[in-house]
């Protein structure tokens, strides 16, 4: 993991969110826009983590494997990050199944989008639900940043 500080996370949130909104407005590249939204939310949540922890730079946390915050700041699991921010259960991510029978959860949704993995036909609406949850989180982050 390369180091990003609060400023980087805030900039990542803003830039990814603006690009996501443009893609959504033009109804373009559904998977790419969802990937951007996922990264937008991850950046924004990590910004909020550092703010809550009163740390502008997570370098000490990342280097200290014994620090419980290490697993949170280095995680892609949005549910773990949301829990740390006191938002457990506020945002609900549906589980989906890929055509390869893998389960898609908050921790690996970005992989689904990044690799263009197909999901089971019965779960197509869940992918849209997931995007709506990410939109809610992005808006909440915008109120906090």
Foldseek 3Di string as FASTA:
>chain_A
DDWDFLVRLQVLLVVLVVVLVVCVVVVHDVLVSLLSLLSSLLSLLLSVVCVVVVHRTCPVVCVDPVRPCNCVNPASQVQSSCVSVVNHPVFDQDWFAFPVRDIDHSRCSSVCSVVVTHTDPVCPVSVVSRSVSSVVSSVVSVVVD
